[in-house]
PDB file of N, CA and C in Angstrom:
ATOM      1  N   UNK A   1      15.923  -8.412 -37.280  1.00  0.00           N
ATOM      2  CA  UNK A   1      15.198  -7.532 -36.388  1.00  0.00           C
ATOM      3  C   UNK A   1      15.232  -6.112 -36.945  1.00  0.00           C
ATOM      4  N   UNK A   2      14.076  -5.480 -36.992  1.00  0.00           N
ATOM      5  CA  UNK A   2      13.999  -4.151 -37.570  1.00  0.00           C
ATOM      6  C   UNK A   2      14.516  -3.086 -36.604  1.00  0.00           C
ATOM      7  N   UNK A   3      15.108  -2.079 -37.144  1.00  0.00           N
ATOM      8  CA  UNK A   3      15.595  -0.968 -36.331  1.00  0.00           C
ATOM      9  C   UNK A   3      14.428  -0.085 -35.910  1.00  0.00           C
ATOM     10  N   UNK A   4      14.624   0.635 -34.834  1.00  0.00           N
ATOM     11  CA  UNK A   4      13.579   1.533 -34.350  1.00  0.00           C
ATOM     12  C   UNK A   4      13.726   2.921 -34.936  1.00  0.00           C
ATOM     13  N   UNK A   5      14.505   3.054 -35.981  1.00  0.00           N
ATOM     14  CA  UNK A   5      14.724   4.320 -36.675  1.00  0.00           C
ATOM     15  C   UNK A   5      15.192   5.420 -35.734  1.00  0.00           C
ATOM     16  N   UNK A   6      16.095   5.053 -34.820  1.00  0.00           N
ATOM     17  CA  UNK A   6      16.673   6.036 -33.927  1.00  0.00           C
ATOM     18  C   UNK A   6      15.812   6.433 -32.744  1.00  0.00           C
ATOM     19  N   UNK A   7      14.620   5.878 -32.624  1.00  0.00           N
ATOM     20  CA  UNK A   7      13.743   6.232 -31.514  1.00  0.00           C
ATOM     21  C   UNK A   7      13.963   5.264 -30.355  1.00  0.00           C
ATOM     22  N   UNK A   8      14.173   5.805 -29.195  1.00  0.00           N
ATOM     23  CA  UNK A   8      14.343   4.981 -28.005  1.00  0.00           C
ATOM     24  C   UNK A   8      13.110   5.178 -27.142  1.00  0.00           C
ATOM     25  N   UNK A   9      12.466   4.092 -26.830  1.00  0.00           N
ATOM     26  CA  UNK A   9      11.269   4.162 -25.993  1.00  0.00           C
ATOM     27  C   UNK A   9      11.659   3.778 -24.574  1.00  0.00           C
ATOM     28  N   UNK A  10      11.502   4.696 -23.643  1.00  0.00           N
ATOM     29  CA  UNK A  10      11.848   4.434 -22.250  1.00  0.00           C
ATOM     30  C   UNK A  10      10.594   4.093 -21.460  1.00  0.00           C
ATOM     31  N   UNK A  11      10.717   3.078 -20.626  1.00  0.00           N
ATOM     32  CA  UNK A  11       9.616   2.730 -19.744  1.00  0.00           C
ATOM     33  C   UNK A  11       9.703   3.608 -18.507  1.00  0.00           C
ATOM     34  N   UNK A  12       8.543   4.020 -18.010  1.00  0.00           N
ATOM     35  CA  UNK A  12       8.520   4.811 -16.798  1.00  0.00           C
ATOM     36  C   UNK A  12       8.886   3.902 -15.633  1.00  0.00           C
ATOM     37  N   UNK A  13       9.843   4.310 -14.841  1.00  0.00           N
ATOM     38  CA  UNK A  13      10.302   3.521 -13.725  1.00  0.00           C
ATOM     39  C   UNK A  13       9.325   3.674 -12.566  1.00  0.00           C
ATOM     40  N   UNK A  14       8.788   2.554 -12.097  1.00  0.00           N
ATOM     41  CA  UNK A  14       7.844   2.565 -10.985  1.00  0.00           C
ATOM     42  C   UNK A  14       8.620   2.551  -9.677  1.00  0.00           C
ATOM     43  N   UNK A  15       8.163   3.356  -8.721  1.00  0.00           N
ATOM     44  CA  UNK A  15       8.785   3.355  -7.409  1.00  0.00           C
ATOM     45  C   UNK A  15       8.667   1.968  -6.797  1.00  0.00           C
ATOM     46  N   UNK A  16       9.739   1.520  -6.202  1.00  0.00           N
ATOM     47  CA  UNK A  16       9.751   0.214  -5.563  1.00  0.00           C
ATOM     48  C   UNK A  16       9.488   0.407  -4.080  1.00  0.00           C
ATOM     49  N   UNK A  17       8.522  -0.332  -3.545  1.00  0.00           N
ATOM     50  CA  UNK A  17       8.179  -0.249  -2.138  1.00  0.00           C
ATOM     51  C   UNK A  17       8.843  -1.411  -1.423  1.00  0.00           C
ATOM     52  N   UNK A  18       9.552  -1.111  -0.356  1.00  0.00           N
ATOM     53  CA  UNK A  18      10.201  -2.137   0.446  1.00  0.00           C
ATOM     54  C   UNK A  18       9.163  -2.748   1.399  1.00  0.00           C
ATOM     55  N   UNK A  19       9.148  -4.084   1.495  1.00  0.00           N
ATOM     56  CA  UNK A  19       8.195  -4.764   2.369  1.00  0.00           C
ATOM     57  C   UNK A  19       8.856  -5.618   3.446  1.00  0.00           C
ATOM     58  N   UNK A  20      10.180  -5.610   3.525  1.00  0.00           N
ATOM     59  CA  UNK A  20      10.902  -6.447   4.468  1.00  0.00           C
ATOM     60  C   UNK A  20      11.556  -5.586   5.538  1.00  0.00           C
ATOM     61  N   UNK A  21      11.107  -5.746   6.776  1.00  0.00           N
ATOM     62  CA  UNK A  21      11.607  -4.950   7.891  1.00  0.00           C
ATOM     63  C   UNK A  21      11.886  -5.856   9.070  1.00  0.00           C
ATOM     64  N   UNK A  22      12.622  -5.334  10.048  1.00  0.00           N
ATOM     65  CA  UNK A  22      12.821  -6.041  11.311  1.00  0.00           C
ATOM     66  C   UNK A  22      11.490  -6.073  12.055  1.00  0.00           C
ATOM     67  N   UNK A  23      11.197  -7.170  12.710  1.00  0.00           N
ATOM     68  CA  UNK A  23       9.976  -7.260  13.519  1.00  0.00           C
ATOM     69  C   UNK A  23       9.975  -6.114  14.520  1.00  0.00           C
ATOM     70  N   UNK A  24       8.863  -5.432  14.635  1.00  0.00           N
ATOM     71  CA  UNK A  24       8.725  -4.326  15.571  1.00  0.00           C
ATOM     72  C   UNK A  24       9.083  -2.955  15.015  1.00  0.00           C
ATOM     73  N   UNK A  25       9.509  -2.883  13.754  1.00  0.00           N
ATOM     74  CA  UNK A  25       9.789  -1.582  13.130  1.00  0.00           C
ATOM     75  C   UNK A  25       8.487  -0.811  12.973  1.00  0.00           C
ATOM     76  N   UNK A  26       8.487   0.434  13.413  1.00  0.00           N
ATOM     77  CA  UNK A  26       7.295   1.283  13.282  1.00  0.00           C
ATOM     78  C   UNK A  26       7.167   1.753  11.845  1.00  0.00           C
ATOM     79  N   UNK A  27       5.972   1.527  11.252  1.00  0.00           N
ATOM     80  CA  UNK A  27       5.732   1.860   9.844  1.00  0.00           C
ATOM     81  C   UNK A  27       4.536   2.790   9.689  1.00  0.00           C
ATOM     82  N   UNK A  28       4.602   3.663   8.719  1.00  0.00           N
ATOM     83  CA  UNK A  28       3.460   4.436   8.249  1.00  0.00           C
ATOM     84  C   UNK A  28       3.210   3.965   6.821  1.00  0.00           C
ATOM     85  N   UNK A  29       2.030   3.363   6.597  1.00  0.00           N
ATOM     86  CA  UNK A  29       1.730   2.775   5.296  1.00  0.00           C
ATOM     87  C   UNK A  29       0.608   3.560   4.629  1.00  0.00           C
ATOM     88  N   UNK A  30       0.891   4.081   3.439  1.00  0.00           N
ATOM     89  CA  UNK A  30      -0.136   4.744   2.632  1.00  0.00           C
ATOM     90  C   UNK A  30      -0.637   3.732   1.621  1.00  0.00           C
ATOM     91  N   UNK A  31      -1.964   3.560   1.568  1.00  0.00           N
ATOM     92  CA  UNK A  31      -2.531   2.546   0.675  1.00  0.00           C
ATOM     93  C   UNK A  31      -3.894   2.988   0.166  1.00  0.00           C
ATOM     94  N   UNK A  32      -4.375   2.314  -0.866  1.00  0.00           N
ATOM     95  CA  UNK A  32      -5.649   2.646  -1.495  1.00  0.00           C
ATOM     96  C   UNK A  32      -6.688   1.619  -1.052  1.00  0.00           C
ATOM     97  N   UNK A  33      -7.814   2.114  -0.549  1.00  0.00           N
ATOM     98  CA  UNK A  33      -8.897   1.253  -0.077  1.00  0.00           C
ATOM     99  C   UNK A  33     -10.085   1.364  -1.026  1.00  0.00           C
ATOM    100  N   UNK A  34     -10.956   0.369  -0.955  1.00  0.00           N
ATOM    101  CA  UNK A  34     -12.180   0.457  -1.736  1.00  0.00           C
ATOM    102  C   UNK A  34     -13.097   1.508  -1.128  1.00  0.00           C
ATOM    103  N   UNK A  35     -14.035   1.974  -1.897  1.00  0.00           N
ATOM    104  CA  UNK A  35     -15.029   2.926  -1.405  1.00  0.00           C
ATOM    105  C   UNK A  35     -16.398   2.417  -1.793  1.00  0.00           C
ATOM    106  N   UNK A  36     -17.321   2.553  -0.888  1.00  0.00           N
ATOM    107  CA  UNK A  36     -18.698   2.148  -1.145  1.00  0.00           C
ATOM    108  C   UNK A  36     -19.593   3.353  -0.899  1.00  0.00           C
ATOM    109  N   UNK A  37     -20.450   3.649  -1.839  1.00  0.00           N
ATOM    110  CA  UNK A  37     -21.326   4.810  -1.742  1.00  0.00           C
ATOM    111  C   UNK A  37     -22.766   4.328  -1.682  1.00  0.00           C
ATOM    112  N   UNK A  38     -23.433   4.569  -0.547  1.00  0.00           N
ATOM    113  CA  UNK A  38     -24.801   4.064  -0.386  1.00  0.00           C
ATOM    114  C   UNK A  38     -25.880   5.068  -0.771  1.00  0.00           C
ATOM    115  N   UNK A  39     -25.476   6.281  -1.134  1.00  0.00           N
ATOM    116  CA  UNK A  39     -26.472   7.248  -1.607  1.00  0.00           C
ATOM    117  C   UNK A  39     -26.644   7.094  -3.124  1.00  0.00           C
ATOM    118  N   UNK A  40     -27.645   7.722  -3.680  1.00  0.00           N
ATOM    119  CA  UNK A  40     -27.976   7.565  -5.098  1.00  0.00           C
ATOM    120  C   UNK A  40     -27.108   8.460  -5.971  1.00  0.00           C
ATOM    121  N   UNK A  41     -26.654   7.910  -7.110  1.00  0.00           N
ATOM    122  CA  UNK A  41     -25.849   8.661  -8.070  1.00  0.00           C
ATOM    123  C   UNK A  41     -26.320   8.320  -9.472  1.00  0.00           C
ATOM    124  N   UNK A  42     -26.371   9.353 -10.321  1.00  0.00           N
ATOM    125  CA  UNK A  42     -26.684   9.042 -11.726  1.00  0.00           C
ATOM    126  C   UNK A  42     -25.428   8.486 -12.383  1.00  0.00           C
ATOM    127  N   UNK A  43     -25.568   8.001 -13.599  1.00  0.00           N
ATOM    128  CA  UNK A  43     -24.480   7.315 -14.282  1.00  0.00           C
ATOM    129  C   UNK A  43     -23.250   8.206 -14.442  1.00  0.00           C
ATOM    130  N   UNK A  44     -23.444   9.476 -14.758  1.00  0.00           N
ATOM    131  CA  UNK A  44     -22.298  10.380 -14.942  1.00  0.00           C
ATOM    132  C   UNK A  44     -21.558  10.612 -13.630  1.00  0.00           C
ATOM    133  N   UNK A  45     -22.291  10.822 -12.540  1.00  0.00           N
ATOM    134  CA  UNK A  45     -21.637  10.994 -11.225  1.00  0.00           C
ATOM    135  C   UNK A  45     -20.893   9.727 -10.829  1.00  0.00           C
ATOM    136  N   UNK A  46     -21.505   8.565 -11.063  1.00  0.00           N
ATOM    137  CA  UNK A  46     -20.904   7.291 -10.672  1.00  0.00           C
ATOM    138  C   UNK A  46     -19.543   7.067 -11.344  1.00  0.00           C
ATOM    139  N   UNK A  47     -19.388   7.582 -12.565  1.00  0.00           N
ATOM    140  CA  UNK A  47     -18.133   7.412 -13.292  1.00  0.00           C
ATOM    141  C   UNK A  47     -16.966   8.156 -12.626  1.00  0.00           C
ATOM    142  N   UNK A  48     -17.260   9.119 -11.792  1.00  0.00           N
ATOM    143  CA  UNK A  48     -16.219   9.964 -11.196  1.00  0.00           C
ATOM    144  C   UNK A  48     -15.949   9.656  -9.726  1.00  0.00           C
ATOM    145  N   UNK A  49     -16.653   8.709  -9.124  1.00  0.00           N
ATOM    146  CA  UNK A  49     -16.474   8.430  -7.703  1.00  0.00           C
ATOM    147  C   UNK A  49     -15.103   7.787  -7.452  1.00  0.00           C
ATOM    148  N   UNK A  50     -14.367   8.290  -6.471  1.00  0.00           N
ATOM    149  CA  UNK A  50     -12.997   7.820  -6.248  1.00  0.00           C
ATOM    150  C   UNK A  50     -12.899   6.671  -5.237  1.00  0.00           C
ATOM    151  N   UNK A  51     -11.721   6.076  -5.206  1.00  0.00           N
ATOM    152  CA  UNK A  51     -11.380   5.163  -4.125  1.00  0.00           C
ATOM    153  C   UNK A  51     -10.975   6.034  -2.928  1.00  0.00           C
ATOM    154  N   UNK A  52     -10.548   5.414  -1.855  1.00  0.00           N
ATOM    155  CA  UNK A  52     -10.173   6.141  -0.653  1.00  0.00           C
ATOM    156  C   UNK A  52      -8.686   5.940  -0.382  1.00  0.00           C
ATOM    157  N   UNK A  53      -7.979   7.023  -0.158  1.00  0.00           N
ATOM    158  CA  UNK A  53      -6.581   6.937   0.249  1.00  0.00           C
ATOM    159  C   UNK A  53      -6.556   6.774   1.761  1.00  0.00           C
ATOM    160  N   UNK A  54      -5.854   5.737   2.243  1.00  0.00           N
ATOM    161  CA  UNK A  54      -5.790   5.445   3.655  1.00  0.00           C
ATOM    162  C   UNK A  54      -4.345   5.485   4.140  1.00  0.00           C
ATOM    163  N   UNK A  55      -4.172   5.783   5.431  1.00  0.00           N
ATOM    164  CA  UNK A  55      -2.861   5.728   6.057  1.00  0.00           C
ATOM    165  C   UNK A  55      -2.995   4.944   7.344  1.00  0.00           C
ATOM    166  N   UNK A  56      -2.167   3.940   7.507  1.00  0.00           N
ATOM    167  CA  UNK A  56      -2.167   3.127   8.719  1.00  0.00           C
ATOM    168  C   UNK A  56      -0.786   3.169   9.353  1.00  0.00           C
ATOM    169  N   UNK A  57      -0.770   3.182  10.693  1.00  0.00           N
ATOM    170  CA  UNK A  57       0.478   3.226  11.450  1.00  0.00           C
ATOM    171  C   UNK A  57       0.515   2.016  12.369  1.00  0.00           C
ATOM    172  N   UNK A  58       1.641   1.324  12.379  1.00  0.00           N
ATOM    173  CA  UNK A  58       1.777   0.185  13.262  1.00  0.00           C
ATOM    174  C   UNK A  58       3.152  -0.426  13.202  1.00  0.00           C
ATOM    175  N   UNK A  59       3.364  -1.420  14.067  1.00  0.00           N
ATOM    176  CA  UNK A  59       4.633  -2.115  14.133  1.00  0.00           C
ATOM    177  C   UNK A  59       4.602  -3.340  13.231  1.00  0.00           C
ATOM    178  N   UNK A  60       5.684  -3.512  12.463  1.00  0.00           N
ATOM    179  CA  UNK A  60       5.797  -4.611  11.505  1.00  0.00           C
ATOM    180  C   UNK A  60       5.757  -5.960  12.214  1.00  0.00           C
ATOM    181  N   UNK A  61       4.911  -6.852  11.690  1.00  0.00           N
ATOM    182  CA  UNK A  61       4.874  -8.248  12.151  1.00  0.00           C
ATOM    183  C   UNK A  61       5.608  -9.120  11.137  1.00  0.00           C
ATOM    184  N   UNK A  62       5.101  -9.140   9.893  1.00  0.00           N
ATOM    185  CA  UNK A  62       5.772  -9.877   8.825  1.00  0.00           C
ATOM    186  C   UNK A  62       5.110  -9.537   7.493  1.00  0.00           C
ATOM    187  N   UNK A  63       5.662 -10.103   6.424  1.00  0.00           N
ATOM    188  CA  UNK A  63       5.073  -9.983   5.093  1.00  0.00           C
ATOM    189  C   UNK A  63       5.339 -11.284   4.353  1.00  0.00           C
ATOM    190  N   UNK A  64       4.515 -11.550   3.343  1.00  0.00           N
ATOM    191  CA  UNK A  64       4.734 -12.706   2.476  1.00  0.00           C
ATOM    192  C   UNK A  64       4.605 -12.219   1.035  1.00  0.00           C
ATOM    193  N   UNK A  65       4.378 -13.107   0.111  1.00  0.00           N
ATOM    194  CA  UNK A  65       4.299 -12.708  -1.295  1.00  0.00           C
ATOM    195  C   UNK A  65       3.161 -11.737  -1.582  1.00  0.00           C
ATOM    196  N   UNK A  66       2.088 -11.800  -0.801  1.00  0.00           N
ATOM    197  CA  UNK A  66       0.887 -11.030  -1.123  1.00  0.00           C
ATOM    198  C   UNK A  66       0.548  -9.892  -0.178  1.00  0.00           C
ATOM    199  N   UNK A  67       0.927  -9.984   1.092  1.00  0.00           N
ATOM    200  CA  UNK A  67       0.460  -9.021   2.091  1.00  0.00           C
ATOM    201  C   UNK A  67       1.578  -8.586   3.019  1.00  0.00           C
ATOM    202  N   UNK A  68       1.298  -7.466   3.739  1.00  0.00           N
ATOM    203  CA  UNK A  68       2.138  -7.012   4.830  1.00  0.00           C
ATOM    204  C   UNK A  68       1.240  -6.931   6.061  1.00  0.00           C
ATOM    205  N   UNK A  69       1.778  -7.331   7.228  1.00  0.00           N
ATOM    206  CA  UNK A  69       1.004  -7.351   8.472  1.00  0.00           C
ATOM    207  C   UNK A  69       1.639  -6.427   9.496  1.00  0.00           C
ATOM    208  N   UNK A  70       0.803  -5.579  10.098  1.00  0.00           N
ATOM    209  CA  UNK A  70       1.254  -4.689  11.161  1.00  0.00           C
ATOM    210  C   UNK A  70       0.273  -4.771  12.333  1.00  0.00           C
ATOM    211  N   UNK A  71       0.726  -4.290  13.477  1.00  0.00           N
ATOM    212  CA  UNK A  71      -0.144  -4.179  14.641  1.00  0.00           C
ATOM    213  C   UNK A  71      -0.048  -2.758  15.188  1.00  0.00           C
ATOM    214  N   UNK A  72      -1.163  -2.234  15.647  1.00  0.00           N
ATOM    215  CA  UNK A  72      -1.163  -0.889  16.228  1.00  0.00           C
ATOM    216  C   UNK A  72      -1.386  -0.938  17.725  1.00  0.00           C
ATOM    217  N   UNK A  73      -1.734  -2.090  18.262  1.00  0.00           N
ATOM    218  CA  UNK A  73      -1.988  -2.226  19.702  1.00  0.00           C
ATOM    219  C   UNK A  73      -1.431  -3.560  20.187  1.00  0.00           C
ATOM    220  N   UNK A  74      -0.673  -3.501  21.278  1.00  0.00           N
ATOM    221  CA  UNK A  74      -0.150  -4.706  21.912  1.00  0.00           C
ATOM    222  C   UNK A  74      -0.601  -4.680  23.356  1.00  0.00           C
ATOM    223  N   UNK A  75      -1.202  -5.793  23.806  1.00  0.00           N
ATOM    224  CA  UNK A  75      -1.697  -5.857  25.187  1.00  0.00           C
ATOM    225  C   UNK A  75      -1.535  -7.272  25.728  1.00  0.00           C
ATOM    226  N   UNK A  76      -0.797  -7.421  26.823  1.00  0.00           N
ATOM    227  CA  UNK A  76      -0.652  -8.710  27.507  1.00  0.00           C
ATOM    228  C   UNK A  76      -0.413  -9.873  26.564  1.00  0.00           C
ATOM    229  N   UNK A  77       0.631  -9.783  25.764  1.00  0.00           N
ATOM    230  CA  UNK A  77       1.043 -10.852  24.870  1.00  0.00           C
ATOM    231  C   UNK A  77       0.052 -11.121  23.730  1.00  0.00           C
ATOM    232  N   UNK A  78      -0.798 -10.175  23.424  1.00  0.00           N
ATOM    233  CA  UNK A  78      -1.727 -10.295  22.289  1.00  0.00           C
ATOM    234  C   UNK A  78      -1.726  -8.958  21.550  1.00  0.00           C
ATOM    235  N   UNK A  79      -2.187  -8.978  20.310  1.00  0.00           N
ATOM    236  CA  UNK A  79      -2.230  -7.728  19.547  1.00  0.00           C
ATOM    237  C   UNK A  79      -3.241  -7.829  18.419  1.00  0.00           C
ATOM    238  N   UNK A  80      -3.695  -6.646  17.996  1.00  0.00           N
ATOM    239  CA  UNK A  80      -4.561  -6.628  16.807  1.00  0.00           C
ATOM    240  C   UNK A  80      -3.663  -6.757  15.581  1.00  0.00           C
ATOM    241  N   UNK A  81      -4.238  -7.137  14.455  1.00  0.00           N
ATOM    242  CA  UNK A  81      -3.442  -7.304  13.238  1.00  0.00           C
ATOM    243  C   UNK A  81      -4.184  -6.674  12.066  1.00  0.00           C
ATOM    244  N   UNK A  82      -3.468  -5.846  11.307  1.00  0.00           N
ATOM    245  CA  UNK A  82      -3.983  -5.278  10.073  1.00  0.00           C
ATOM    246  C   UNK A  82      -3.225  -5.946   8.938  1.00  0.00           C
ATOM    247  N   UNK A  83      -3.946  -6.570   8.016  1.00  0.00           N
ATOM    248  CA  UNK A  83      -3.345  -7.255   6.874  1.00  0.00           C
ATOM    249  C   UNK A  83      -3.681  -6.440   5.626  1.00  0.00           C
ATOM    250  N   UNK A  84      -2.643  -5.916   4.973  1.00  0.00           N
ATOM    251  CA  UNK A  84      -2.826  -5.048   3.805  1.00  0.00           C
ATOM    252  C   UNK A  84      -2.245  -5.744   2.582  1.00  0.00           C
ATOM    253  N   UNK A  85      -3.040  -5.910   1.519  1.00  0.00           N
ATOM    254  CA  UNK A  85      -2.490  -6.480   0.280  1.00  0.00           C
ATOM    255  C   UNK A  85      -1.389  -5.581  -0.280  1.00  0.00           C
ATOM    256  N   UNK A  86      -0.276  -6.162  -0.663  1.00  0.00           N
ATOM    257  CA  UNK A  86       0.826  -5.382  -1.223  1.00  0.00           C
ATOM    258  C   UNK A  86       0.414  -4.623  -2.473  1.00  0.00           C
ATOM    259  N   UNK A  87      -0.545  -5.160  -3.205  1.00  0.00           N
ATOM    260  CA  UNK A  87      -0.947  -4.545  -4.475  1.00  0.00           C
ATOM    261  C   UNK A  87      -1.605  -3.180  -4.297  1.00  0.00           C
ATOM    262  N   UNK A  88      -2.052  -2.837  -3.082  1.00  0.00           N
ATOM    263  CA  UNK A  88      -2.704  -1.549  -2.869  1.00  0.00           C
ATOM    264  C   UNK A  88      -1.802  -0.554  -2.126  1.00  0.00           C
ATOM    265  N   UNK A  89      -0.599  -0.960  -1.758  1.00  0.00           N
ATOM    266  CA  UNK A  89       0.314  -0.089  -1.014  1.00  0.00           C
ATOM    267  C   UNK A  89       0.970   0.899  -1.965  1.00  0.00           C
ATOM    268  N   UNK A  90       0.889   2.192  -1.600  1.00  0.00           N
ATOM    269  CA  UNK A  90       1.518   3.249  -2.398  1.00  0.00           C
ATOM    270  C   UNK A  90       2.887   3.641  -1.846  1.00  0.00           C
ATOM    271  N   UNK A  91       3.022   3.644  -0.510  1.00  0.00           N
ATOM    272  CA  UNK A  91       4.264   4.128   0.098  1.00  0.00           C
ATOM    273  C   UNK A  91       4.355   3.607   1.524  1.00  0.00           C
ATOM    274  N   UNK A  92       5.587   3.310   1.957  1.00  0.00           N
ATOM    275  CA  UNK A  92       5.840   2.944   3.342  1.00  0.00           C
ATOM    276  C   UNK A  92       6.997   3.783   3.854  1.00  0.00           C
ATOM    277  N   UNK A  93       6.779   4.409   5.007  1.00  0.00           N
ATOM    278  CA  UNK A  93       7.838   5.159   5.690  1.00  0.00           C
ATOM    279  C   UNK A  93       8.139   4.402   6.975  1.00  0.00           C
ATOM    280  N   UNK A  94       9.412   4.055   7.169  1.00  0.00           N
ATOM    281  CA  UNK A  94       9.813   3.266   8.329  1.00  0.00           C
ATOM    282  C   UNK A  94      10.650   4.097   9.285  1.00  0.00           C
ATOM    283  N   UNK A  95      10.431   3.880  10.577  1.00  0.00           N
ATOM    284  CA  UNK A  95      11.247   4.497  11.616  1.00  0.00           C
ATOM    285  C   UNK A  95      12.294   3.447  12.010  1.00  0.00           C
ATOM    286  N   UNK A  96      13.346   3.358  11.190  1.00  0.00           N
ATOM    287  CA  UNK A  96      14.364   2.345  11.420  1.00  0.00           C
ATOM    288  C   UNK A  96      15.546   2.963  12.152  1.00  0.00           C
ATOM    289  N   UNK A  97      16.013   2.266  13.172  1.00  0.00           N
ATOM    290  CA  UNK A  97      17.186   2.722  13.922  1.00  0.00           C
ATOM    291  C   UNK A  97      18.416   2.612  13.031  1.00  0.00           C
ATOM    292  N   UNK A  98      19.334   3.546  13.216  1.00  0.00           N
ATOM    293  CA  UNK A  98      20.534   3.533  12.396  1.00  0.00           C
ATOM    294  C   UNK A  98      21.627   2.733  13.071  1.00  0.00           C
TER     295      UNK A  98
END
């Protein structure tokens, strides 16, 4: 095996996002959403169009290998559900009791 001639290459450490919480934990989730532009753009403008940064707030339901599920409204034993792919989540802030 060849030596690296004294050079050490460090990988940039990616922030790890926690996806496992107690059911009912209040979460603020920052994530990246797709963007669709229905007005006309020339090729140069189109190259610069961004995605959308989104923030969702809700109570943790569960997560699996691919997604995290939260609810923002609970009514008479039913609730809405927001399913967010883990691959688009940038940050989660949890209101966890100590």
